[in-house]
Amino acid sequence: MDPDQVAKAFVEHYYSTFDANRAGLANLYQDGSMLTFEGQKTQGSQNIVAKLIALPFQQCKHLITTVDCQPSGPAGGMLVFVSGNLQLAGEQHALKFSQMFHLMPTPQGSFYVFNDIF
């Protein structure tokens, strides 16, 4: 399994889901997952999705510029660093963003987000 291909597929899935239906991100996190969003920490799948749904905008579009990936640890995890632009509905200028995901493998052969820093 090529880590770069996994990272690219994950990033495409994550941001298309975020842009269309943030509640759909719940299955990408677990109870031990943690999100740090602009300095504020949130733990657990339900709490993370509640935080994302509560963001002060309804519609947005992520435009990805870079996706960098490294294998992480003996358990088969991966670090994924993403940068790009975030276009909010009704705003003329896009916002620059970067986000780091620490993906961990599941027994079923997929990955979940263990750490997420925006």
PDB file of N, CA and C in Angstrom:
ATOM      1  N   MET A   1       0.863  -1.189   0.000  1.00  0.00           N
ATOM      2  CA  MET A   1       0.000   0.000   0.000  1.00  0.00           C
ATOM      3  C   MET A   1       0.899   1.239   0.000  1.00  0.00           C
ATOM      4  N   ASP A   2       0.784   2.046  -1.041  1.00  0.00           N
ATOM      5  CA  ASP A   2       1.590   3.249  -1.195  1.00  0.00           C
ATOM      6  C   ASP A   2       1.037   4.365  -0.302  1.00  0.00           C
ATOM      7  N   PRO A   3       1.823   4.835   0.691  1.00  0.00           N
ATOM      8  CA  PRO A   3       1.334   5.888   1.594  1.00  0.00           C
ATOM      9  C   PRO A   3       0.868   7.147   0.864  1.00  0.00           C
ATOM     10  N   ASP A   4       1.558   7.519  -0.211  1.00  0.00           N
ATOM     11  CA  ASP A   4       1.153   8.725  -0.941  1.00  0.00           C
ATOM     12  C   ASP A   4      -0.231   8.559  -1.574  1.00  0.00           C
ATOM     13  N   GLN A   5      -0.521   7.370  -2.096  1.00  0.00           N
ATOM     14  CA  GLN A   5      -1.841   7.118  -2.679  1.00  0.00           C
ATOM     15  C   GLN A   5      -2.914   7.118  -1.606  1.00  0.00           C
ATOM     16  N   VAL A   6      -2.615   6.510  -0.448  1.00  0.00           N
ATOM     17  CA  VAL A   6      -3.567   6.500   0.667  1.00  0.00           C
ATOM     18  C   VAL A   6      -3.836   7.926   1.126  1.00  0.00           C
ATOM     19  N   ALA A   7      -2.781   8.713   1.285  1.00  0.00           N
ATOM     20  CA  ALA A   7      -2.935  10.104   1.733  1.00  0.00           C
ATOM     21  C   ALA A   7      -3.764  10.911   0.742  1.00  0.00           C
ATOM     22  N   LYS A   8      -3.490  10.761  -0.545  1.00  0.00           N
ATOM     23  CA  LYS A   8      -4.231  11.504  -1.565  1.00  0.00           C
ATOM     24  C   LYS A   8      -5.713  11.116  -1.546  1.00  0.00           C
ATOM     25  N   ALA A   9      -5.996   9.826  -1.460  1.00  0.00           N
ATOM     26  CA  ALA A   9      -7.388   9.359  -1.421  1.00  0.00           C
ATOM     27  C   ALA A   9      -8.083   9.864  -0.158  1.00  0.00           C
ATOM     28  N   PHE A  10      -7.384   9.808   0.986  1.00  0.00           N
ATOM     29  CA  PHE A  10      -7.961  10.312   2.231  1.00  0.00           C
ATOM     30  C   PHE A  10      -8.294  11.795   2.115  1.00  0.00           C
ATOM     31  N   VAL A  11      -7.356  12.583   1.627  1.00  0.00           N
ATOM     32  CA  VAL A  11      -7.539  14.035   1.528  1.00  0.00           C
ATOM     33  C   VAL A  11      -8.720  14.367   0.609  1.00  0.00           C
ATOM     34  N   GLU A  12      -8.813  13.693  -0.523  1.00  0.00           N
ATOM     35  CA  GLU A  12      -9.936  13.934  -1.441  1.00  0.00           C
ATOM     36  C   GLU A  12     -11.260  13.619  -0.746  1.00  0.00           C
ATOM     37  N   HIS A  13     -11.309  12.482  -0.054  1.00  0.00           N
ATOM     38  CA  HIS A  13     -12.537  12.081   0.639  1.00  0.00           C
ATOM     39  C   HIS A  13     -12.868  13.055   1.769  1.00  0.00           C
ATOM     40  N   TYR A  14     -11.874  13.402   2.594  1.00  0.00           N
ATOM     41  CA  TYR A  14     -12.107  14.269   3.750  1.00  0.00           C
ATOM     42  C   TYR A  14     -12.673  15.621   3.322  1.00  0.00           C
ATOM     43  N   TYR A  15     -12.011  16.276   2.381  1.00  0.00           N
ATOM     44  CA  TYR A  15     -12.433  17.637   2.035  1.00  0.00           C
ATOM     45  C   TYR A  15     -13.706  17.667   1.193  1.00  0.00           C
ATOM     46  N   SER A  16     -13.934  16.669   0.352  1.00  0.00           N
ATOM     47  CA  SER A  16     -15.209  16.649  -0.383  1.00  0.00           C
ATOM     48  C   SER A  16     -16.365  16.422   0.590  1.00  0.00           C
ATOM     49  N   THR A  17     -16.145  15.572   1.609  1.00  0.00           N
ATOM     50  CA  THR A  17     -17.172  15.350   2.630  1.00  0.00           C
ATOM     51  C   THR A  17     -17.360  16.597   3.478  1.00  0.00           C
ATOM     52  N   PHE A  18     -16.268  17.238   3.896  1.00  0.00           N
ATOM     53  CA  PHE A  18     -16.354  18.466   4.695  1.00  0.00           C
ATOM     54  C   PHE A  18     -17.165  19.521   3.945  1.00  0.00           C
ATOM     55  N   ASP A  19     -16.876  19.702   2.666  1.00  0.00           N
ATOM     56  CA  ASP A  19     -17.526  20.752   1.884  1.00  0.00           C
ATOM     57  C   ASP A  19     -19.001  20.460   1.621  1.00  0.00           C
ATOM     58  N   ALA A  20     -19.379  19.178   1.568  1.00  0.00           N
ATOM     59  CA  ALA A  20     -20.752  18.810   1.224  1.00  0.00           C
ATOM     60  C   ALA A  20     -21.614  18.475   2.444  1.00  0.00           C
ATOM     61  N   ASN A  21     -21.026  17.823   3.464  1.00  0.00           N
ATOM     62  CA  ASN A  21     -21.818  17.317   4.590  1.00  0.00           C
ATOM     63  C   ASN A  21     -20.892  17.023   5.767  1.00  0.00           C
ATOM     64  N   ARG A  22     -20.601  18.049   6.579  1.00  0.00           N
ATOM     65  CA  ARG A  22     -19.638  17.889   7.678  1.00  0.00           C
ATOM     66  C   ARG A  22     -20.011  16.765   8.634  1.00  0.00           C
ATOM     67  N   ALA A  23     -21.287  16.505   8.831  1.00  0.00           N
ATOM     68  CA  ALA A  23     -21.710  15.421   9.726  1.00  0.00           C
ATOM     69  C   ALA A  23     -21.193  14.072   9.228  1.00  0.00           C
ATOM     70  N   GLY A  24     -20.970  13.950   7.935  1.00  0.00           N
ATOM     71  CA  GLY A  24     -20.471  12.717   7.344  1.00  0.00           C
ATOM     72  C   GLY A  24     -19.037  12.386   7.720  1.00  0.00           C
ATOM     73  N   LEU A  25     -18.343  13.316   8.396  1.00  0.00           N
ATOM     74  CA  LEU A  25     -16.963  13.074   8.819  1.00  0.00           C
ATOM     75  C   LEU A  25     -16.872  12.220  10.077  1.00  0.00           C
ATOM     76  N   ALA A  26     -17.997  11.984  10.749  1.00  0.00           N
ATOM     77  CA  ALA A  26     -17.991  11.287  12.045  1.00  0.00           C
ATOM     78  C   ALA A  26     -17.292   9.936  11.983  1.00  0.00           C
ATOM     79  N   ASN A  27     -17.462   9.198  10.894  1.00  0.00           N
ATOM     80  CA  ASN A  27     -16.865   7.859  10.826  1.00  0.00           C
ATOM     81  C   ASN A  27     -15.358   7.890  10.578  1.00  0.00           C
ATOM     82  N   LEU A  28     -14.787   9.076  10.353  1.00  0.00           N
ATOM     83  CA  LEU A  28     -13.344   9.177  10.169  1.00  0.00           C
ATOM     84  C   LEU A  28     -12.609   9.364  11.495  1.00  0.00           C
ATOM     85  N   TYR A  29     -13.350   9.635  12.562  1.00  0.00           N
ATOM     86  CA  TYR A  29     -12.765   9.849  13.889  1.00  0.00           C
ATOM     87  C   TYR A  29     -13.243   8.747  14.830  1.00  0.00           C
ATOM     88  N   GLN A  30     -12.536   8.575  15.960  1.00  0.00           N
ATOM     89  CA  GLN A  30     -12.947   7.637  17.004  1.00  0.00           C
ATOM     90  C   GLN A  30     -12.980   8.371  18.341  1.00  0.00           C
ATOM     91  N   ASP A  31     -13.365   7.658  19.392  1.00  0.00           N
ATOM     92  CA  ASP A  31     -13.480   8.290  20.712  1.00  0.00           C
ATOM     93  C   ASP A  31     -12.161   8.864  21.212  1.00  0.00           C
ATOM     94  N   GLY A  32     -11.041   8.256  20.844  1.00  0.00           N
ATOM     95  CA  GLY A  32      -9.740   8.752  21.282  1.00  0.00           C
ATOM     96  C   GLY A  32      -9.145   9.812  20.383  1.00  0.00           C
ATOM     97  N   SER A  33      -9.827  10.145  19.289  1.00  0.00           N
ATOM     98  CA  SER A  33      -9.319  11.147  18.352  1.00  0.00           C
ATOM     99  C   SER A  33      -9.333  12.535  18.975  1.00  0.00           C
ATOM    100  N   MET A  34      -8.377  13.380  18.542  1.00  0.00           N
ATOM    101  CA  MET A  34      -8.339  14.756  19.037  1.00  0.00           C
ATOM    102  C   MET A  34      -8.156  15.728  17.890  1.00  0.00           C
ATOM    103  N   LEU A  35      -8.930  16.814  17.934  1.00  0.00           N
ATOM    104  CA  LEU A  35      -8.822  17.928  16.999  1.00  0.00           C
ATOM    105  C   LEU A  35      -8.320  19.142  17.768  1.00  0.00           C
ATOM    106  N   THR A  36      -7.301  19.791  17.237  1.00  0.00           N
ATOM    107  CA  THR A  36      -6.924  21.118  17.725  1.00  0.00           C
ATOM    108  C   THR A  36      -7.249  22.080  16.600  1.00  0.00           C
ATOM    109  N   PHE A  37      -8.211  22.954  16.851  1.00  0.00           N
ATOM    110  CA  PHE A  37      -8.659  23.913  15.842  1.00  0.00           C
ATOM    111  C   PHE A  37      -8.384  25.312  16.373  1.00  0.00           C
ATOM    112  N   GLU A  38      -7.413  25.972  15.751  1.00  0.00           N
ATOM    113  CA  GLU A  38      -7.030  27.326  16.153  1.00  0.00           C
ATOM    114  C   GLU A  38      -6.796  27.408  17.662  1.00  0.00           C
ATOM    115  N   GLY A  39      -6.055  26.424  18.203  1.00  0.00           N
ATOM    116  CA  GLY A  39      -5.663  26.428  19.600  1.00  0.00           C
ATOM    117  C   GLY A  39      -6.635  25.771  20.565  1.00  0.00           C
ATOM    118  N   GLN A  40      -7.817  25.416  20.104  1.00  0.00           N
ATOM    119  CA  GLN A  40      -8.834  24.819  20.975  1.00  0.00           C
ATOM    120  C   GLN A  40      -8.897  23.308  20.737  1.00  0.00           C
ATOM    121  N   LYS A  41      -8.719  22.527  21.817  1.00  0.00           N
ATOM    122  CA  LYS A  41      -8.701  21.068  21.702  1.00  0.00           C
ATOM    123  C   LYS A  41     -10.104  20.480  21.921  1.00  0.00           C
ATOM    124  N   THR A  42     -10.440  19.494  21.079  1.00  0.00           N
ATOM    125  CA  THR A  42     -11.718  18.784  21.177  1.00  0.00           C
ATOM    126  C   THR A  42     -11.425  17.305  21.004  1.00  0.00           C
ATOM    127  N   GLN A  43     -11.987  16.458  21.886  1.00  0.00           N
ATOM    128  CA  GLN A  43     -11.711  15.023  21.800  1.00  0.00           C
ATOM    129  C   GLN A  43     -12.993  14.231  21.591  1.00  0.00           C
ATOM    130  N   GLY A  44     -12.873  13.165  20.800  1.00  0.00           N
ATOM    131  CA  GLY A  44     -13.988  12.258  20.543  1.00  0.00           C
ATOM    132  C   GLY A  44     -14.724  12.599  19.258  1.00  0.00           C
ATOM    133  N   SER A  45     -15.125  11.562  18.550  1.00  0.00           N
ATOM    134  CA  SER A  45     -15.771  11.717  17.249  1.00  0.00           C
ATOM    135  C   SER A  45     -16.976  12.665  17.297  1.00  0.00           C
ATOM    136  N   GLN A  46     -17.893  12.443  18.236  1.00  0.00           N
ATOM    137  CA  GLN A  46     -19.107  13.262  18.301  1.00  0.00           C
ATOM    138  C   GLN A  46     -18.778  14.724  18.598  1.00  0.00           C
ATOM    139  N   ASN A  47     -17.848  14.954  19.527  1.00  0.00           N
ATOM    140  CA  ASN A  47     -17.478  16.326  19.886  1.00  0.00           C
ATOM    141  C   ASN A  47     -16.771  17.036  18.730  1.00  0.00           C
ATOM    142  N   ILE A  48     -15.909  16.304  18.024  1.00  0.00           N
ATOM    143  CA  ILE A  48     -15.193  16.899  16.893  1.00  0.00           C
ATOM    144  C   ILE A  48     -16.171  17.303  15.809  1.00  0.00           C
ATOM    145  N   VAL A  49     -17.081  16.410  15.450  1.00  0.00           N
ATOM    146  CA  VAL A  49     -18.048  16.730  14.394  1.00  0.00           C
ATOM    147  C   VAL A  49     -18.958  17.873  14.829  1.00  0.00           C
ATOM    148  N   ALA A  50     -19.354  17.904  16.101  1.00  0.00           N
ATOM    149  CA  ALA A  50     -20.168  19.022  16.605  1.00  0.00           C
ATOM    150  C   ALA A  50     -19.413  20.336  16.451  1.00  0.00           C
ATOM    151  N   LYS A  51     -18.111  20.325  16.735  1.00  0.00           N
ATOM    152  CA  LYS A  51     -17.280  21.523  16.576  1.00  0.00           C
ATOM    153  C   LYS A  51     -17.240  21.955  15.115  1.00  0.00           C
ATOM    154  N   LEU A  52     -17.036  21.009  14.207  1.00  0.00           N
ATOM    155  CA  LEU A  52     -16.950  21.338  12.782  1.00  0.00           C
ATOM    156  C   LEU A  52     -18.280  21.854  12.244  1.00  0.00           C
ATOM    157  N   ILE A  53     -19.381  21.252  12.693  1.00  0.00           N
ATOM    158  CA  ILE A  53     -20.703  21.693  12.241  1.00  0.00           C
ATOM    159  C   ILE A  53     -20.999  23.105  12.745  1.00  0.00           C
ATOM    160  N   ALA A  54     -20.487  23.435  13.944  1.00  0.00           N
ATOM    161  CA  ALA A  54     -20.759  24.733  14.563  1.00  0.00           C
ATOM    162  C   ALA A  54     -19.902  25.872  14.005  1.00  0.00           C
ATOM    163  N   LEU A  55     -19.002  25.587  13.082  1.00  0.00           N
ATOM    164  CA  LEU A  55     -18.183  26.666  12.513  1.00  0.00           C
ATOM    165  C   LEU A  55     -19.096  27.722  11.890  1.00  0.00           C
ATOM    166  N   PRO A  56     -18.667  28.992  11.930  1.00  0.00           N
ATOM    167  CA  PRO A  56     -19.567  30.099  11.566  1.00  0.00           C
ATOM    168  C   PRO A  56     -19.766  30.312  10.066  1.00  0.00           C
ATOM    169  N   PHE A  57     -19.762  29.242   9.292  1.00  0.00           N
ATOM    170  CA  PHE A  57     -20.069  29.340   7.864  1.00  0.00           C
ATOM    171  C   PHE A  57     -20.767  28.065   7.437  1.00  0.00           C
ATOM    172  N   GLN A  58     -21.654  28.175   6.479  1.00  0.00           N
ATOM    173  CA  GLN A  58     -22.411  27.008   6.022  1.00  0.00           C
ATOM    174  C   GLN A  58     -21.754  26.337   4.824  1.00  0.00           C
ATOM    175  N   GLN A  59     -21.276  27.151   3.887  1.00  0.00           N
ATOM    176  CA  GLN A  59     -20.723  26.589   2.660  1.00  0.00           C
ATOM    177  C   GLN A  59     -19.282  27.036   2.486  1.00  0.00           C
ATOM    178  N   CYS A  60     -18.458  26.093   2.006  1.00  0.00           N
ATOM    179  CA  CYS A  60     -17.069  26.412   1.713  1.00  0.00           C
ATOM    180  C   CYS A  60     -16.555  25.436   0.663  1.00  0.00           C
ATOM    181  N   LYS A  61     -15.400  25.773   0.122  1.00  0.00           N
ATOM    182  CA  LYS A  61     -14.752  24.915  -0.873  1.00  0.00           C
ATOM    183  C   LYS A  61     -13.265  24.909  -0.574  1.00  0.00           C
ATOM    184  N   HIS A  62     -12.712  23.728  -0.315  1.00  0.00           N
ATOM    185  CA  HIS A  62     -11.279  23.587  -0.088  1.00  0.00           C
ATOM    186  C   HIS A  62     -10.585  23.376  -1.432  1.00  0.00           C
ATOM    187  N   LEU A  63      -9.541  24.130  -1.684  1.00  0.00           N
ATOM    188  CA  LEU A  63      -8.717  23.981  -2.883  1.00  0.00           C
ATOM    189  C   LEU A  63      -7.331  23.560  -2.404  1.00  0.00           C
ATOM    190  N   ILE A  64      -6.988  22.312  -2.615  1.00  0.00           N
ATOM    191  CA  ILE A  64      -5.768  21.731  -2.066  1.00  0.00           C
ATOM    192  C   ILE A  64      -4.571  22.089  -2.948  1.00  0.00           C
ATOM    193  N   THR A  65      -3.502  22.572  -2.307  1.00  0.00           N
ATOM    194  CA  THR A  65      -2.268  22.917  -3.009  1.00  0.00           C
ATOM    195  C   THR A  65      -1.228  21.812  -2.863  1.00  0.00           C
ATOM    196  N   THR A  66      -1.007  21.347  -1.622  1.00  0.00           N
ATOM    197  CA  THR A  66      -0.011  20.303  -1.385  1.00  0.00           C
ATOM    198  C   THR A  66      -0.555  19.235  -0.443  1.00  0.00           C
ATOM    199  N   VAL A  67      -0.083  18.001  -0.634  1.00  0.00           N
ATOM    200  CA  VAL A  67      -0.339  16.888   0.275  1.00  0.00           C
ATOM    201  C   VAL A  67       0.997  16.181   0.464  1.00  0.00           C
ATOM    202  N   ASP A  68       1.527  16.237   1.690  1.00  0.00           N
ATOM    203  CA  ASP A  68       2.777  15.562   2.009  1.00  0.00           C
ATOM    204  C   ASP A  68       2.484  14.465   3.025  1.00  0.00           C
ATOM    205  N   CYS A  69       3.161  13.334   2.882  1.00  0.00           N
ATOM    206  CA  CYS A  69       2.866  12.169   3.708  1.00  0.00           C
ATOM    207  C   CYS A  69       4.158  11.504   4.151  1.00  0.00           C
ATOM    208  N   GLN A  70       4.150  11.005   5.406  1.00  0.00           N
ATOM    209  CA  GLN A  70       5.259  10.211   5.929  1.00  0.00           C
ATOM    210  C   GLN A  70       4.690   9.047   6.733  1.00  0.00           C
ATOM    211  N   PRO A  71       5.322   7.863   6.651  1.00  0.00           N
ATOM    212  CA  PRO A  71       4.927   6.792   7.549  1.00  0.00           C
ATOM    213  C   PRO A  71       5.237   7.206   8.988  1.00  0.00           C
ATOM    214  N   SER A  72       4.432   6.734   9.949  1.00  0.00           N
ATOM    215  CA  SER A  72       4.596   7.158  11.335  1.00  0.00           C
ATOM    216  C   SER A  72       4.445   5.992  12.297  1.00  0.00           C
ATOM    217  N   GLY A  73       5.553   5.550  12.860  1.00  0.00           N
ATOM    218  CA  GLY A  73       5.523   4.570  13.934  1.00  0.00           C
ATOM    219  C   GLY A  73       5.347   3.140  13.479  1.00  0.00           C
ATOM    220  N   PRO A  74       5.596   2.212  14.389  1.00  0.00           N
ATOM    221  CA  PRO A  74       5.546   0.780  14.060  1.00  0.00           C
ATOM    222  C   PRO A  74       4.126   0.248  13.854  1.00  0.00           C
ATOM    223  N   ALA A  75       3.105   1.004  14.265  1.00  0.00           N
ATOM    224  CA  ALA A  75       1.728   0.521  14.122  1.00  0.00           C
ATOM    225  C   ALA A  75       1.172   0.744  12.723  1.00  0.00           C
ATOM    226  N   GLY A  76       1.949   1.390  11.840  1.00  0.00           N
ATOM    227  CA  GLY A  76       1.479   1.600  10.470  1.00  0.00           C
ATOM    228  C   GLY A  76       0.730   2.901  10.265  1.00  0.00           C
ATOM    229  N   GLY A  77       0.926   3.860  11.166  1.00  0.00           N
ATOM    230  CA  GLY A  77       0.273   5.158  11.031  1.00  0.00           C
ATOM    231  C   GLY A  77       0.905   6.004   9.938  1.00  0.00           C
ATOM    232  N   MET A  78       0.262   7.110   9.632  1.00  0.00           N
ATOM    233  CA  MET A  78       0.771   8.038   8.628  1.00  0.00           C
ATOM    234  C   MET A  78       0.506   9.471   9.079  1.00  0.00           C
ATOM    235  N   LEU A  79       1.496  10.337   8.824  1.00  0.00           N
ATOM    236  CA  LEU A  79       1.303  11.765   8.991  1.00  0.00           C
ATOM    237  C   LEU A  79       0.994  12.348   7.630  1.00  0.00           C
ATOM    238  N   VAL A  80      -0.060  13.161   7.568  1.00  0.00           N
ATOM    239  CA  VAL A  80      -0.462  13.793   6.318  1.00  0.00           C
ATOM    240  C   VAL A  80      -0.572  15.299   6.570  1.00  0.00           C
ATOM    241  N   PHE A  81       0.199  16.074   5.814  1.00  0.00           N
ATOM    242  CA  PHE A  81       0.172  17.528   5.952  1.00  0.00           C
ATOM    243  C   PHE A  81      -0.417  18.112   4.675  1.00  0.00           C
ATOM    244  N   VAL A  82      -1.436  18.949   4.845  1.00  0.00           N
ATOM    245  CA  VAL A  82      -2.179  19.508   3.714  1.00  0.00           C
ATOM    246  C   VAL A  82      -2.103  21.026   3.782  1.00  0.00           C
ATOM    247  N   SER A  83      -1.919  21.661   2.643  1.00  0.00           N
ATOM    248  CA  SER A  83      -2.041  23.111   2.584  1.00  0.00           C
ATOM    249  C   SER A  83      -2.888  23.473   1.380  1.00  0.00           C
ATOM    250  N   GLY A  84      -3.498  24.653   1.453  1.00  0.00           N
ATOM    251  CA  GLY A  84      -4.336  25.081   0.346  1.00  0.00           C
ATOM    252  C   GLY A  84      -5.085  26.341   0.668  1.00  0.00           C
ATOM    253  N   ASN A  85      -6.167  26.531  -0.051  1.00  0.00           N
ATOM    254  CA  ASN A  85      -7.022  27.697   0.113  1.00  0.00           C
ATOM    255  C   ASN A  85      -8.427  27.255   0.472  1.00  0.00           C
ATOM    256  N   LEU A  86      -9.071  28.070   1.292  1.00  0.00           N
ATOM    257  CA  LEU A  86     -10.443  27.818   1.731  1.00  0.00           C
ATOM    258  C   LEU A  86     -11.299  28.978   1.252  1.00  0.00           C
ATOM    259  N   GLN A  87     -12.218  28.684   0.343  1.00  0.00           N
ATOM    260  CA  GLN A  87     -13.107  29.710  -0.196  1.00  0.00           C
ATOM    261  C   GLN A  87     -14.457  29.615   0.501  1.00  0.00           C
ATOM    262  N   LEU A  88     -14.795  30.651   1.256  1.00  0.00           N
ATOM    263  CA  LEU A  88     -16.090  30.685   1.937  1.00  0.00           C
ATOM    264  C   LEU A  88     -17.125  31.319   1.022  1.00  0.00           C
ATOM    265  N   ALA A  89     -18.350  30.819   1.096  1.00  0.00           N
ATOM    266  CA  ALA A  89     -19.435  31.352   0.270  1.00  0.00           C
ATOM    267  C   ALA A  89     -19.619  32.833   0.578  1.00  0.00           C
ATOM    268  N   GLY A  90     -19.707  33.650  -0.466  1.00  0.00           N
ATOM    269  CA  GLY A  90     -19.945  35.071  -0.298  1.00  0.00           C
ATOM    270  C   GLY A  90     -18.696  35.897  -0.040  1.00  0.00           C
ATOM    271  N   GLU A  91     -17.544  35.248   0.127  1.00  0.00           N
ATOM    272  CA  GLU A  91     -16.291  35.974   0.359  1.00  0.00           C
ATOM    273  C   GLU A  91     -15.503  36.066  -0.940  1.00  0.00           C
ATOM    274  N   GLN A  92     -14.937  37.240  -1.175  1.00  0.00           N
ATOM    275  CA  GLN A  92     -14.202  37.455  -2.417  1.00  0.00           C
ATOM    276  C   GLN A  92     -12.833  36.782  -2.402  1.00  0.00           C
ATOM    277  N   HIS A  93     -12.156  36.825  -1.247  1.00  0.00           N
ATOM    278  CA  HIS A  93     -10.795  36.303  -1.157  1.00  0.00           C
ATOM    279  C   HIS A  93     -10.768  34.980  -0.392  1.00  0.00           C
ATOM    280  N   ALA A  94      -9.985  34.052  -0.909  1.00  0.00           N
ATOM    281  CA  ALA A  94      -9.817  32.758  -0.228  1.00  0.00           C
ATOM    282  C   ALA A  94      -8.869  32.924   0.957  1.00  0.00           C
ATOM    283  N   LEU A  95      -9.051  32.069   1.954  1.00  0.00           N
ATOM    284  CA  LEU A  95      -8.175  32.036   3.123  1.00  0.00           C
ATOM    285  C   LEU A  95      -7.157  30.919   2.932  1.00  0.00           C
ATOM    286  N   LYS A  96      -5.906  31.170   3.287  1.00  0.00           N
ATOM    287  CA  LYS A  96      -4.891  30.118   3.259  1.00  0.00           C
ATOM    288  C   LYS A  96      -5.091  29.236   4.488  1.00  0.00           C
ATOM    289  N   PHE A  97      -4.859  27.939   4.346  1.00  0.00           N
ATOM    290  CA  PHE A  97      -4.955  27.050   5.506  1.00  0.00           C
ATOM    291  C   PHE A  97      -3.906  25.952   5.402  1.00  0.00           C
ATOM    292  N   SER A  98      -3.591  25.372   6.551  1.00  0.00           N
ATOM    293  CA  SER A  98      -2.797  24.147   6.597  1.00  0.00           C
ATOM    294  C   SER A  98      -3.403  23.262   7.674  1.00  0.00           C
ATOM    295  N   GLN A  99      -3.291  21.964   7.453  1.00  0.00           N
ATOM    296  CA  GLN A  99      -3.893  21.001   8.367  1.00  0.00           C
ATOM    297  C   GLN A  99      -3.038  19.746   8.374  1.00  0.00           C
ATOM    298  N   MET A 100      -2.853  19.178   9.576  1.00  0.00           N
ATOM    299  CA  MET A 100      -2.071  17.964   9.736  1.00  0.00           C
ATOM    300  C   MET A 100      -2.971  16.872  10.303  1.00  0.00           C
ATOM    301  N   PHE A 101      -2.910  15.705   9.682  1.00  0.00           N
ATOM    302  CA  PHE A 101      -3.649  14.536  10.152  1.00  0.00           C
ATOM    303  C   PHE A 101      -2.653  13.450  10.538  1.00  0.00           C
ATOM    304  N   HIS A 102      -2.901  12.789  11.670  1.00  0.00           N
ATOM    305  CA  HIS A 102      -2.164  11.576  12.023  1.00  0.00           C
ATOM    306  C   HIS A 102      -3.172  10.441  11.852  1.00  0.00           C
ATOM    307  N   LEU A 103      -2.995   9.667  10.813  1.00  0.00           N
ATOM    308  CA  LEU A 103      -3.910   8.569  10.497  1.00  0.00           C
ATOM    309  C   LEU A 103      -3.375   7.286  11.118  1.00  0.00           C
ATOM    310  N   MET A 104      -4.284   6.506  11.682  1.00  0.00           N
ATOM    311  CA  MET A 104      -3.927   5.215  12.263  1.00  0.00           C
ATOM    312  C   MET A 104      -4.747   4.124  11.570  1.00  0.00           C
ATOM    313  N   PRO A 105      -4.145   2.945  11.377  1.00  0.00           N
ATOM    314  CA  PRO A 105      -4.877   1.861  10.709  1.00  0.00           C
ATOM    315  C   PRO A 105      -5.949   1.267  11.622  1.00  0.00           C
ATOM    316  N   THR A 106      -7.000   0.768  10.987  1.00  0.00           N
ATOM    317  CA  THR A 106      -8.055   0.051  11.702  1.00  0.00           C
ATOM    318  C   THR A 106      -7.884  -1.439  11.418  1.00  0.00           C
ATOM    319  N   PRO A 107      -8.467  -2.302  12.264  1.00  0.00           N
ATOM    320  CA  PRO A 107      -8.395  -3.752  11.994  1.00  0.00           C
ATOM    321  C   PRO A 107      -9.030  -4.128  10.647  1.00  0.00           C
ATOM    322  N   GLN A 108      -9.946  -3.281  10.157  1.00  0.00           N
ATOM    323  CA  GLN A 108     -10.627  -3.579   8.891  1.00  0.00           C
ATOM    324  C   GLN A 108      -9.783  -3.202   7.667  1.00  0.00           C
ATOM    325  N   GLY A 109      -8.604  -2.595   7.896  1.00  0.00           N
ATOM    326  CA  GLY A 109      -7.731  -2.273   6.769  1.00  0.00           C
ATOM    327  C   GLY A 109      -7.857  -0.851   6.266  1.00  0.00           C
ATOM    328  N   SER A 110      -8.654  -0.032   6.922  1.00  0.00           N
ATOM    329  CA  SER A 110      -8.746   1.376   6.527  1.00  0.00           C
ATOM    330  C   SER A 110      -7.986   2.213   7.560  1.00  0.00           C
ATOM    331  N   PHE A 111      -8.246   3.507   7.563  1.00  0.00           N
ATOM    332  CA  PHE A 111      -7.581   4.408   8.500  1.00  0.00           C
ATOM    333  C   PHE A 111      -8.608   5.299   9.173  1.00  0.00           C
ATOM    334  N   TYR A 112      -8.259   5.774  10.375  1.00  0.00           N
ATOM    335  CA  TYR A 112      -9.066   6.795  11.035  1.00  0.00           C
ATOM    336  C   TYR A 112      -8.140   7.918  11.473  1.00  0.00           C
ATOM    337  N   VAL A 113      -8.715   9.088  11.748  1.00  0.00           N
ATOM    338  CA  VAL A 113      -7.943  10.254  12.165  1.00  0.00           C
ATOM    339  C   VAL A 113      -7.744  10.169  13.676  1.00  0.00           C
ATOM    340  N   PHE A 114      -6.502   9.991  14.089  1.00  0.00           N
ATOM    341  CA  PHE A 114      -6.169   9.972  15.514  1.00  0.00           C
ATOM    342  C   PHE A 114      -5.915  11.394  16.006  1.00  0.00           C
ATOM    343  N   ASN A 115      -5.148  12.178  15.234  1.00  0.00           N
ATOM    344  CA  ASN A 115      -4.899  13.579  15.558  1.00  0.00           C
ATOM    345  C   ASN A 115      -5.173  14.430  14.331  1.00  0.00           C
ATOM    346  N   ASP A 116      -5.737  15.616  14.581  1.00  0.00           N
ATOM    347  CA  ASP A 116      -6.080  16.557  13.509  1.00  0.00           C
ATOM    348  C   ASP A 116      -5.756  17.941  14.043  1.00  0.00           C
ATOM    349  N   ILE A 117      -4.821  18.630  13.399  1.00  0.00           N
ATOM    350  CA  ILE A 117      -4.454  19.993  13.811  1.00  0.00           C
ATOM    351  C   ILE A 117      -4.699  20.913  12.627  1.00  0.00           C
ATOM    352  N   PHE A 118      -5.555  21.919  12.855  1.00  0.00           N
ATOM    353  CA  PHE A 118      -5.882  22.894  11.809  1.00  0.00           C
ATOM    354  C   PHE A 118      -5.286  24.219  12.207  1.00  0.00           C
TER     355      PHE A 118
END
